[in-house]
């Protein structure tokens, strides 16, 4: 069995794979996480909260009732009969629900009851922020319980409530945010103006670390919505990950485990953004790419949100000028951007293109006709060029 220090080290490193492996071999690891959450002492506490949800979700694949039983145990530990020993239970319950929404979603109303307790309120609101990112339908009926905190004098409660509203408003299109008395998750102009100008700064745990936000930033938090699904490129099945901001498509990549790469890129290019798994904001992009892969589309018409240095954006704009079914070499591309000696820099900008296929970096080849590098792999590049009718050298150098 791993020692307390072993578990502590994995929390420090966010090594969820190791924790899951240990927990599958010995359920005492879960008990260690539960015990670790009693002490609210900084970043490791929050990672223990996150780990409890991650590990419980993994164990639930083998033991169907484990998530429900854990949540029930926490609620029981809150009552007087147990002595009320469930310190920080709202954070723990929230993490489990956020990671196991299908089995534990029905506890959403009970979690909202914890908002009535001064000692549990902050954790419950933080939890609803997490649930709104993973399963907004569980937060959707609870607006009347969240709304009062938009007028809170406590910056943390105000900021968390503002973020919940932002996340729920971003879910339009997933389910109707409307009722007989008018739109849901909307606020009067006076409150919206107050939130827009609220400069109080709060610190919350998000994506594995503490982040500081002015409340106004949470009210206007950028949302990056991403989706991953399998597509066929000729005879090759690959995973495609797409992501969009409010301005347009900002990411398209091919290959496994791209969510991790996307989140790393987003943390650099959109440091204040919240990354949500949603198909709807990406549906048009997915449709047009599928049409392209089936040979039914040659030009993309979706709005793009290109994020990069001025030189990179200049190179990417030039890539978009390469017609379907044609190629350019790096020297030609450098000439076209007005810097014929910058072939290496052009190649690097090509490699860092975050919008594969739509910004067609696959149409750039070596001067000798070789395929050269491609982030998704040369087998994918070859098939994309074959799809467009660029044959010969593509086949020879695959």
Protein backbone atom coordinates (compact mmCIF):
# COMPACT_ATOMS: atom_id res chain seq x y z
CA UNK A 1 0.00 0.00 0.00
CA UNK A 2 1.37 3.48 -0.84
CA UNK A 3 2.31 5.55 2.17
CA UNK A 4 0.81 8.87 3.11
CA UNK A 5 3.93 10.54 1.71
CA UNK A 6 3.59 8.59 -1.55
CA UNK A 7 0.05 9.89 -2.00
CA UNK A 8 1.13 13.40 -1.05
CA UNK A 9 3.84 13.31 -3.71
CA UNK A 10 1.44 12.23 -6.44
CA UNK A 11 -0.87 15.09 -5.46
CA UNK A 12 2.00 17.55 -5.67
CA UNK A 13 2.77 16.26 -9.19
CA UNK A 14 -0.88 15.76 -10.24
CA UNK A 15 0.06 12.21 -11.21
CA UNK A 16 -3.47 10.92 -11.60
CA UNK A 17 -2.42 7.79 -13.49
CA UNK A 18 -0.36 6.60 -10.54
CA UNK A 19 -3.13 7.36 -8.08
CA UNK A 20 -5.66 5.48 -10.19
CA UNK A 21 -3.34 2.47 -10.44
CA UNK A 22 -2.86 2.43 -6.67
CA UNK A 23 -6.57 2.91 -5.99
CA UNK A 24 -7.51 -0.01 -8.23
CA UNK A 25 -5.14 -2.21 -6.26
CA UNK A 26 -6.06 -0.88 -2.82
CA UNK A 27 -9.22 1.10 -1.98
CA UNK A 28 -7.43 2.53 1.05
CA UNK A 29 -6.01 5.12 -1.34
CA UNK A 30 -9.50 6.60 -1.62
CA UNK A 31 -9.72 6.71 2.18
CA UNK A 32 -6.39 8.55 2.22
CA UNK A 33 -7.78 11.13 -0.19
CA UNK A 34 -10.91 11.55 1.93
CA UNK A 35 -8.75 12.06 5.03
CA UNK A 36 -6.45 14.50 3.16
CA UNK A 37 -9.40 16.73 2.35
CA UNK A 38 -10.11 17.36 6.03
CA UNK A 39 -7.22 19.85 6.15
CA UNK A 40 -7.60 22.91 3.91
CA UNK A 41 -3.95 23.92 3.67
CA UNK A 42 -3.27 25.16 0.16
CA UNK A 43 -2.63 23.73 -3.29
CA UNK A 44 -2.25 20.09 -2.21
CA UNK A 45 -5.67 20.22 -0.55
CA UNK A 46 -7.26 21.35 -3.80
CA UNK A 47 -5.41 18.71 -5.77
CA UNK A 48 -6.71 16.11 -3.32
CA UNK A 49 -10.22 17.43 -4.03
CA UNK A 50 -9.60 17.14 -7.77
CA UNK A 51 -7.98 13.72 -7.37
CA UNK A 52 -10.97 12.37 -5.46
CA UNK A 53 -13.20 13.13 -8.44
CA UNK A 54 -10.71 11.79 -11.00
CA UNK A 55 -9.99 8.58 -9.09
CA UNK A 56 -13.65 7.97 -8.26
CA UNK A 57 -14.57 8.31 -11.92
CA UNK A 58 -11.92 5.74 -12.87
CA UNK A 59 -12.99 3.29 -10.17
CA UNK A 60 -16.63 3.70 -11.15
CA UNK A 61 -15.88 1.93 -14.42
CA UNK A 62 -15.22 -1.22 -12.37
CA UNK A 63 -17.42 -0.63 -9.32
CA UNK A 64 -20.65 1.09 -10.29
CA UNK A 65 -21.81 2.26 -6.86
CA UNK A 66 -18.58 3.70 -5.52
CA UNK A 67 -19.28 7.33 -6.53
CA UNK A 68 -22.83 7.33 -5.17
CA UNK A 69 -21.75 5.71 -1.91
CA UNK A 70 -19.00 8.29 -1.41
CA UNK A 71 -21.40 11.18 -1.93
CA UNK A 72 -23.95 9.61 0.42
CA UNK A 73 -21.23 9.12 3.00
CA UNK A 74 -20.26 12.79 2.84
CA UNK A 75 -23.86 13.95 3.23
CA UNK A 76 -24.33 11.59 6.17
CA UNK A 77 -21.15 12.90 7.79
CA UNK A 78 -22.67 16.38 7.71
CA UNK A 79 -25.60 15.51 9.95
CA UNK A 80 -25.71 15.77 13.70
CA UNK A 81 -25.81 12.00 14.22
CA UNK A 82 -22.31 11.70 12.78
CA UNK A 83 -21.00 14.59 14.78
CA UNK A 84 -20.69 16.79 11.68
CA UNK A 85 -17.18 15.60 10.81
CA UNK A 86 -17.33 16.21 7.05
CA UNK A 87 -15.04 19.21 6.90
CA UNK A 88 -14.74 20.66 3.39
CA UNK A 89 -17.41 18.24 2.23
CA UNK A 90 -18.93 20.67 -0.27
CA UNK A 91 -15.67 20.70 -2.28
CA UNK A 92 -15.40 16.91 -2.15
CA UNK A 93 -19.04 16.29 -3.13
CA UNK A 94 -18.74 18.83 -5.94
CA UNK A 95 -15.65 17.17 -7.37
CA UNK A 96 -17.30 13.76 -7.41
CA UNK A 97 -20.46 15.11 -9.07
CA UNK A 98 -18.44 17.07 -11.65
CA UNK A 99 -16.43 13.96 -12.60
CA UNK A 100 -19.32 11.48 -12.29
CA UNK A 101 -22.36 13.47 -13.49
CA UNK A 102 -24.28 10.50 -14.88
CA UNK A 103 -24.32 8.55 -11.64
CA UNK A 104 -24.28 11.44 -9.14
CA UNK A 105 -26.11 14.22 -10.94
CA UNK A 106 -29.26 13.68 -8.89
CA UNK A 107 -27.41 15.07 -5.85
CA UNK A 108 -27.36 18.55 -7.41
CA UNK A 109 -30.27 19.82 -5.31
CA UNK A 110 -28.78 18.46 -2.09
CA UNK A 111 -25.50 20.19 -2.93
CA UNK A 112 -27.37 23.46 -3.45
CA UNK A 113 -28.86 23.06 0.05
CA UNK A 114 -25.31 23.50 1.40
CA UNK A 115 -25.40 27.11 0.20
CA UNK A 116 -27.42 27.85 3.33
CA UNK A 117 -24.45 26.98 5.57
CA UNK A 118 -21.88 29.76 5.96
CA UNK A 119 -19.03 27.26 6.37
CA UNK A 120 -19.95 25.29 3.23
CA UNK A 121 -21.13 28.05 0.91
CA UNK A 122 -17.81 28.90 -0.76
CA UNK A 123 -17.05 25.26 -1.51
CA UNK A 124 -20.52 24.67 -2.93
CA UNK A 125 -20.30 27.69 -5.24
CA UNK A 126 -16.82 26.60 -6.38
CA UNK A 127 -18.31 23.18 -7.00
CA UNK A 128 -21.10 24.53 -9.15
CA UNK A 129 -18.43 26.30 -11.24
CA UNK A 130 -16.85 22.89 -11.87
CA UNK A 131 -20.17 21.19 -12.58
CA UNK A 132 -21.19 24.00 -14.95
CA UNK A 133 -18.05 23.26 -16.97
CA UNK A 134 -18.62 19.49 -17.17
CA UNK A 135 -22.39 19.04 -16.86
CA UNK A 136 -24.25 22.38 -17.11
CA UNK A 137 -27.62 20.64 -17.29
CA UNK A 138 -27.21 19.81 -13.59
CA UNK A 139 -26.85 23.51 -12.73
CA UNK A 140 -29.54 24.72 -15.14
CA UNK A 141 -32.52 24.33 -12.71
CA UNK A 142 -30.70 25.99 -9.81
CA UNK A 143 -30.59 29.62 -10.96
CA UNK A 144 -32.81 30.93 -8.15
CA UNK A 145 -30.36 29.52 -5.60
CA UNK A 146 -27.28 31.01 -7.31
CA UNK A 147 -28.77 34.40 -8.19
CA UNK A 148 -28.66 36.01 -4.72
CA UNK A 149 -24.86 35.78 -4.67
CA UNK A 150 -24.63 38.22 -7.59
CA UNK A 151 -25.38 40.85 -4.96
CA UNK A 152 -22.98 39.51 -2.35
CA UNK A 153 -20.63 41.89 -0.59
CA UNK A 154 -18.04 39.10 -0.30
CA UNK A 155 -15.79 39.20 -3.40
CA UNK A 156 -15.25 35.41 -3.50
CA UNK A 157 -18.97 34.60 -3.42
CA UNK A 158 -19.67 37.35 -5.94
CA UNK A 159 -16.93 36.18 -8.30
CA UNK A 160 -17.94 32.52 -8.16
CA UNK A 161 -21.58 33.40 -8.85
CA UNK A 162 -20.53 35.63 -11.77
CA UNK A 163 -18.49 32.78 -13.22
CA UNK A 164 -21.37 30.33 -12.90
CA UNK A 165 -23.58 32.75 -14.85
CA UNK A 166 -20.91 33.17 -17.53
CA UNK A 167 -20.53 29.40 -17.90
CA UNK A 168 -24.27 28.86 -18.05
CA UNK A 169 -24.79 31.59 -20.63
CA UNK A 170 -22.14 29.90 -22.77
CA UNK A 171 -24.30 26.76 -22.75
CA UNK A 172 -27.01 28.30 -24.91
CA UNK A 173 -27.68 25.96 -27.79
CA UNK A 174 -27.07 22.92 -25.58
CA UNK A 175 -30.46 23.35 -23.90
CA UNK A 176 -33.03 26.18 -23.89
CA UNK A 177 -32.26 28.82 -21.26
CA UNK A 178 -35.81 30.13 -21.16
CA UNK A 179 -38.85 29.92 -18.94
CA UNK A 180 -42.32 31.48 -18.82
CA UNK A 181 -41.06 34.62 -17.05
CA UNK A 182 -38.22 35.19 -19.52
CA UNK A 183 -34.64 34.10 -20.25
CA UNK A 184 -32.75 32.08 -17.67
CA UNK A 185 -29.28 33.01 -16.45
CA UNK A 186 -29.73 36.64 -17.47
CA UNK A 187 -29.44 39.61 -15.10
CA UNK A 188 -30.78 43.18 -15.03
CA UNK A 189 -28.60 45.79 -16.72
CA UNK A 190 -27.79 47.42 -13.38
CA UNK A 191 -26.31 44.22 -11.96
CA UNK A 192 -24.51 43.48 -15.24
CA UNK A 193 -22.95 46.96 -15.18
CA UNK A 194 -21.90 46.49 -11.56
CA UNK A 195 -20.22 43.17 -12.37
CA UNK A 196 -18.59 44.68 -15.43
CA UNK A 197 -16.88 47.26 -13.24
CA UNK A 198 -16.14 45.11 -10.18
CA UNK A 199 -12.36 45.12 -9.74
CA UNK A 200 -12.12 43.00 -6.58
CA UNK A 201 -9.63 40.18 -7.16
CA UNK A 202 -10.28 36.62 -6.05
CA UNK A 203 -8.17 33.49 -6.21
CA UNK A 204 -9.66 30.14 -7.19
CA UNK A 205 -8.38 26.68 -8.00
CA UNK A 206 -8.72 25.96 -11.70
CA UNK A 207 -6.94 23.54 -14.03
CA UNK A 208 -4.54 22.32 -11.37
CA UNK A 209 -3.36 25.60 -9.92
CA UNK A 210 -4.45 28.80 -8.20
CA UNK A 211 -5.48 31.58 -10.54
CA UNK A 212 -6.28 35.19 -9.69
CA UNK A 213 -9.13 36.97 -11.46
CA UNK A 214 -10.80 40.34 -11.05
CA UNK A 215 -14.52 39.66 -10.68
CA UNK A 216 -15.11 41.63 -13.90
CA UNK A 217 -12.90 39.13 -15.76
CA UNK A 218 -14.99 36.22 -14.49
CA UNK A 219 -18.14 37.99 -15.64
CA UNK A 220 -16.55 38.26 -19.10
CA UNK A 221 -14.46 35.08 -18.97
CA UNK A 222 -13.50 33.83 -22.45
CA UNK A 223 -14.77 30.33 -23.17
CA UNK A 224 -12.87 27.91 -25.40
CA UNK A 225 -15.17 25.07 -26.43
CA UNK A 226 -13.56 21.92 -27.81
CA UNK A 227 -14.66 18.59 -29.18
CA UNK A 228 -12.91 15.40 -30.24
CA UNK A 229 -14.29 12.80 -32.61
CA UNK A 230 -13.00 10.22 -35.04
CA UNK A 231 -12.83 10.97 -38.76
CA UNK A 232 -11.73 9.05 -41.83
CA UNK A 233 -8.98 10.44 -44.06
CA UNK A 234 -9.29 8.14 -47.04
CA UNK A 235 -8.58 4.72 -45.46
CA UNK A 236 -7.10 6.05 -42.20
CA UNK A 237 -9.16 6.60 -39.05
CA UNK A 238 -7.81 9.39 -36.82
CA UNK A 239 -8.98 11.50 -33.91
CA UNK A 240 -9.67 15.13 -34.70
CA UNK A 241 -9.84 17.82 -32.00
CA UNK A 242 -11.36 21.20 -32.76
CA UNK A 243 -11.79 24.24 -30.51
CA UNK A 244 -13.55 27.57 -30.90
CA UNK A 245 -13.61 30.90 -29.11
CA UNK A 246 -16.44 33.39 -29.38
CA UNK A 247 -14.65 34.80 -32.48
CA UNK A 248 -14.22 31.55 -34.38
CA UNK A 249 -12.29 28.32 -34.80
CA UNK A 250 -8.93 28.62 -33.05
CA UNK A 251 -7.62 25.03 -33.02
CA UNK A 252 -7.77 21.96 -35.22
CA UNK A 253 -5.41 19.04 -34.76
CA UNK A 254 -5.20 15.40 -35.73
CA UNK A 255 -3.94 12.58 -33.54
CA UNK A 256 -4.53 10.98 -30.12
CA UNK A 257 -4.31 12.73 -26.74
CA UNK A 258 -4.66 16.18 -28.34
CA UNK A 259 -6.79 17.50 -25.45
CA UNK A 260 -3.66 17.75 -23.30
CA UNK A 261 -1.81 19.65 -26.03
CA UNK A 262 -4.82 21.91 -26.55
CA UNK A 263 -5.06 22.77 -22.85
CA UNK A 264 -1.34 23.59 -22.72
CA UNK A 265 -1.67 25.82 -25.79
CA UNK A 266 -4.80 27.49 -24.40
CA UNK A 267 -3.13 28.25 -21.07
CA UNK A 268 -0.47 30.14 -23.03
CA UNK A 269 -2.61 31.85 -25.66
CA UNK A 270 -5.81 32.36 -23.61
CA UNK A 271 -4.53 32.44 -20.01
CA UNK A 272 -7.87 33.55 -18.54
CA UNK A 273 -10.05 31.22 -20.60
CA UNK A 274 -12.12 28.31 -19.39
CA UNK A 275 -11.83 25.22 -21.60
CA UNK A 276 -15.12 23.33 -21.94
CA UNK A 277 -15.99 20.14 -23.78
CA UNK A 278 -18.88 21.13 -26.05
CA UNK A 279 -19.77 20.04 -29.55
CA UNK A 280 -22.36 22.67 -30.44
CA UNK A 281 -20.01 25.71 -30.85
CA UNK A 282 -17.87 23.55 -33.15
CA UNK A 283 -20.63 21.92 -35.18
CA UNK A 284 -20.15 24.09 -38.28
CA UNK A 285 -16.40 23.48 -38.31
CA UNK A 286 -16.90 19.73 -37.87
CA UNK A 287 -19.40 19.67 -40.72
CA UNK A 288 -17.17 21.57 -43.13
CA UNK A 289 -14.12 19.42 -42.34
CA UNK A 290 -16.17 16.27 -42.89
CA UNK A 291 -17.32 17.67 -46.24
CA UNK A 292 -13.69 18.36 -47.15
CA UNK A 293 -12.59 14.84 -46.17
CA UNK A 294 -15.37 13.39 -48.33
CA UNK A 295 -14.23 15.45 -51.32
CA UNK A 296 -17.32 17.67 -51.25
CA UNK A 297 -15.65 20.93 -50.15
CA UNK A 298 -12.55 22.79 -51.38
CA UNK A 299 -12.90 26.12 -49.54
CA UNK A 300 -13.70 26.69 -45.86
CA UNK A 301 -16.06 29.52 -44.90
CA UNK A 302 -16.02 29.26 -41.10
CA UNK A 303 -14.73 32.27 -39.11
CA UNK A 304 -11.22 31.80 -37.73
CA UNK A 305 -9.52 33.16 -34.62
CA UNK A 306 -5.81 32.92 -35.34
CA UNK A 307 -3.57 33.50 -32.32
CA UNK A 308 0.15 33.91 -32.94
CA UNK A 309 2.94 36.39 -33.53
CA UNK A 310 2.57 38.90 -36.40
CA UNK A 311 5.07 36.87 -38.46
CA UNK A 312 3.24 33.60 -37.79
CA UNK A 313 -0.09 35.11 -38.76
CA UNK A 314 1.48 36.45 -41.95
CA UNK A 315 2.71 32.97 -42.84
CA UNK A 316 -0.64 31.40 -42.00
CA UNK A 317 -2.45 33.96 -44.16
CA UNK A 318 -0.16 32.98 -47.04
CA UNK A 319 -0.95 29.30 -46.44
CA UNK A 320 -4.62 30.10 -46.95
CA UNK A 321 -3.75 31.48 -50.39
CA UNK A 322 -2.45 28.10 -51.61
CA UNK A 323 -5.30 26.73 -53.71
CA UNK A 324 -6.83 23.32 -53.15
CA UNK A 325 -4.88 20.71 -55.10
CA UNK A 326 -1.65 22.75 -55.27
CA UNK A 327 1.53 22.85 -53.19
CA UNK A 328 4.29 25.32 -52.40
CA UNK A 329 7.78 24.75 -51.06
CA UNK A 330 9.29 26.62 -48.13
CA UNK A 331 11.37 28.84 -50.38
CA UNK A 332 8.31 29.96 -52.33
CA UNK A 333 6.43 30.59 -49.10
CA UNK A 334 9.30 32.70 -47.77
CA UNK A 335 9.35 34.69 -51.02
CA UNK A 336 5.60 35.27 -50.78
CA UNK A 337 5.82 36.67 -47.25
CA UNK A 338 8.54 39.06 -48.39
CA UNK A 339 11.50 37.42 -46.67
CA UNK A 340 13.21 34.93 -49.01
CA UNK A 341 15.96 34.16 -46.48
CA UNK A 342 13.51 33.19 -43.75
CA UNK A 343 12.84 29.62 -44.89
CA UNK A 344 13.65 28.18 -41.46
CA UNK A 345 11.40 30.69 -39.69
CA UNK A 346 8.65 29.98 -42.21
CA UNK A 347 9.03 26.28 -41.54
CA UNK A 348 8.72 26.87 -37.80
CA UNK A 349 5.61 29.00 -38.26
CA UNK A 350 4.19 26.28 -40.48
CA UNK A 351 4.87 23.69 -37.78
CA UNK A 352 3.17 25.82 -35.12
CA UNK A 353 0.02 26.39 -37.13
CA UNK A 354 -2.84 25.63 -34.68
CA UNK A 355 -5.44 25.27 -37.43
CA UNK A 356 -4.47 22.20 -39.43
CA UNK A 357 -6.40 21.41 -42.64
CA UNK A 358 -8.37 24.70 -42.55
CA UNK A 359 -5.09 26.66 -42.70
CA UNK A 360 -3.51 24.16 -45.10
CA UNK A 361 0.06 23.70 -43.88
CA UNK A 362 -0.10 20.20 -45.43
CA UNK A 363 0.24 21.90 -48.84
CA UNK A 364 3.83 22.93 -48.08
CA UNK A 365 6.47 20.42 -49.23
CA UNK A 366 10.24 20.29 -49.69
CA UNK A 367 11.90 21.86 -52.73
CA UNK A 368 12.73 18.37 -53.99
CA UNK A 369 9.10 17.31 -53.68
CA UNK A 370 9.52 15.42 -50.40
CA UNK A 371 6.71 15.67 -47.88
CA UNK A 372 9.01 16.87 -45.05
CA UNK A 373 7.50 17.16 -41.57
CA UNK A 374 3.89 17.38 -40.48
CA UNK A 375 2.64 17.66 -36.90
CA UNK A 376 -0.08 15.06 -37.44
CA UNK A 377 2.31 12.61 -39.10
CA UNK A 378 3.42 12.10 -42.70
CA UNK A 379 0.85 9.36 -43.23
CA UNK A 380 -1.89 11.93 -42.65
CA UNK A 381 -0.17 14.55 -44.81
CA UNK A 382 0.16 12.06 -47.66
CA UNK A 383 -3.53 11.18 -47.53
CA UNK A 384 -4.62 14.82 -47.43
CA UNK A 385 -2.55 15.54 -50.55
CA UNK A 386 -3.87 12.41 -52.27
CA UNK A 387 -7.39 13.52 -51.37
CA UNK A 388 -6.72 16.83 -53.15
CA UNK A 389 -5.26 15.07 -56.18
CA UNK A 390 -1.63 15.96 -55.44
CA UNK A 391 -0.09 12.59 -56.23
CA UNK A 392 3.29 11.40 -57.53
CA UNK A 393 5.85 12.84 -55.15
CA UNK A 394 3.48 12.47 -52.21
CA UNK A 395 3.23 8.73 -52.84
CA UNK A 396 6.93 8.25 -53.48
CA UNK A 397 8.07 9.96 -50.30
CA UNK A 398 5.45 8.63 -47.85
